[in-house]
Amino acid sequence: MTDPADPVLLFDEDGRMFIMHDPALASELIESVDEFFEGYDGQARPVRAYGEPGEVGLALVTTEAQGDELRARVERYYAVFAVRHPTRIPPQESELVAFVRAVAEDWIEE
């Protein structure tokens, strides 16, 4: 099984975004699988949470990048939640890995 590449972009049900720079720390940041809604790794591949409470890990759903879905999630986050961001415009990198890294570096805690 291939581990998710960092950084991981996590989204809650409302569309808020959180950044996890080290997927190995999932159990420290996610208490139970029920808390996880949606996420994408550093190569825009969807991830899922697994494990018992206190021992949560992340695994790839597929090895295929889901660039359109990820970009749509990020667009929604910037439009709705990034109200303090100076431009409210997400990074514009065309290459997916560069896009994910730029989003992780540009993220502003709400």
Protein backbone atom coordinates (compact mmCIF):
# COMPACT_ATOMS: atom_id res chain seq x y z
CA MET A 1 0.00 0.00 0.00
CA THR A 2 1.28 3.43 -0.93
CA ASP A 3 1.24 6.06 1.80
CA PRO A 4 -0.27 9.47 1.09
CA ALA A 5 2.27 12.11 0.02
CA ASP A 6 2.48 15.27 2.08
CA PRO A 7 1.00 17.77 2.46
CA VAL A 8 -2.55 16.48 2.90
CA LEU A 9 -5.43 18.92 2.39
CA LEU A 10 -8.36 18.01 4.63
CA PHE A 11 -11.91 19.36 4.24
CA ASP A 12 -14.80 19.19 6.67
CA GLU A 13 -18.46 18.85 5.70
CA ASP A 14 -18.86 22.63 5.52
CA GLY A 15 -15.86 23.05 3.19
CA ARG A 16 -13.33 24.36 5.69
CA MET A 17 -9.79 23.34 4.83
CA PHE A 18 -7.02 22.13 7.11
CA ILE A 19 -3.42 21.28 6.24
CA MET A 20 -1.58 18.21 7.51
CA HIS A 21 2.10 18.43 6.66
CA ASP A 22 2.91 14.92 7.87
CA PRO A 23 0.29 12.21 7.17
CA ALA A 24 1.98 9.98 9.77
CA LEU A 25 0.59 12.33 12.43
CA ALA A 26 -3.04 11.64 11.50
CA SER A 27 -3.81 9.96 14.83
CA GLU A 28 -2.62 13.07 16.66
CA LEU A 29 -4.89 15.36 14.65
CA ILE A 30 -7.92 13.14 13.92
CA GLU A 31 -9.42 11.41 16.95
CA SER A 32 -11.77 9.05 15.12
CA VAL A 33 -12.71 8.05 11.59
CA ASP A 34 -16.08 9.76 12.13
CA GLU A 35 -14.31 13.14 12.27
CA PHE A 36 -12.87 12.70 8.77
CA PHE A 37 -14.88 13.97 5.79
CA GLU A 38 -12.60 14.36 2.75
CA GLY A 39 -8.93 14.75 1.97
CA TYR A 40 -6.35 14.80 -0.82
CA ASP A 41 -2.66 14.07 -0.61
CA GLY A 42 0.23 16.06 -2.09
CA GLN A 43 -0.38 14.46 -5.48
CA ALA A 44 -4.13 15.28 -5.49
CA ARG A 45 -5.12 11.68 -4.77
CA PRO A 46 -8.12 11.18 -2.46
CA VAL A 47 -7.41 9.74 0.97
CA ARG A 48 -9.60 8.05 3.56
CA ALA A 49 -9.25 7.64 7.29
CA TYR A 50 -9.09 4.21 8.91
CA GLY A 51 -8.44 2.72 12.32
CA GLU A 52 -9.74 2.78 15.83
CA PRO A 53 -10.20 5.99 17.86
CA GLY A 54 -6.78 7.26 18.88
CA GLU A 55 -5.07 5.17 16.20
CA VAL A 56 -6.33 6.82 13.01
CA GLY A 57 -4.28 6.60 9.85
CA LEU A 58 -4.71 7.83 6.28
CA ALA A 59 -4.66 5.68 3.16
CA LEU A 60 -5.09 6.39 -0.53
CA VAL A 61 -8.51 5.72 -2.01
CA THR A 62 -6.99 5.49 -5.49
CA THR A 63 -3.62 6.17 -7.07
CA GLU A 64 -5.28 8.38 -9.68
CA ALA A 65 -5.15 12.13 -9.11
CA GLN A 66 -8.51 13.86 -8.74
CA GLY A 67 -7.41 17.32 -9.80
CA ASP A 68 -10.78 18.72 -10.85
CA GLU A 69 -12.44 17.68 -7.58
CA LEU A 70 -9.58 19.04 -5.49
CA ARG A 71 -9.49 22.34 -7.36
CA ALA A 72 -13.27 22.71 -6.90
CA ARG A 73 -12.93 22.12 -3.14
CA VAL A 74 -10.12 24.68 -2.88
CA GLU A 75 -12.09 27.22 -4.97
CA ARG A 76 -15.08 26.83 -2.63
CA TYR A 77 -12.87 27.22 0.43
CA TYR A 78 -11.40 30.47 -0.87
CA ALA A 79 -14.79 31.84 -1.93
CA VAL A 80 -16.55 31.04 1.34
CA PHE A 81 -14.02 30.75 4.16
CA ALA A 82 -10.85 32.62 3.25
CA VAL A 83 -12.41 35.98 4.02
CA ARG A 84 -9.21 37.32 5.57
CA HIS A 85 -7.08 36.29 2.61
CA PRO A 86 -5.98 39.42 0.73
CA THR A 87 -7.13 38.25 -2.70
CA ARG A 88 -9.54 35.40 -1.93
CA ILE A 89 -8.05 33.75 -5.03
CA PRO A 90 -6.47 30.32 -4.69
CA PRO A 91 -3.05 29.61 -6.16
CA GLN A 92 -3.12 29.30 -9.94
CA GLU A 93 -0.41 26.68 -10.59
CA SER A 94 -1.44 24.40 -13.45
CA GLU A 95 0.64 21.39 -12.35
CA LEU A 96 -1.20 19.50 -9.58
CA VAL A 97 1.69 18.83 -7.19
CA ALA A 98 2.77 22.48 -7.40
CA PHE A 99 -0.86 23.53 -6.86
CA VAL A 100 -1.23 21.41 -3.70
CA ARG A 101 2.05 22.73 -2.27
CA ALA A 102 1.08 26.32 -3.07
CA VAL A 103 -2.31 25.87 -1.36
CA ALA A 104 -0.60 24.43 1.73
CA GLU A 105 1.84 27.35 1.87
CA ASP A 106 -0.88 29.95 1.22
CA TRP A 107 -3.38 28.62 3.77
CA ILE A 108 -4.50 31.07 6.42
CA GLU A 109 -5.90 29.83 9.70
CA GLU A 110 -9.41 31.18 10.11
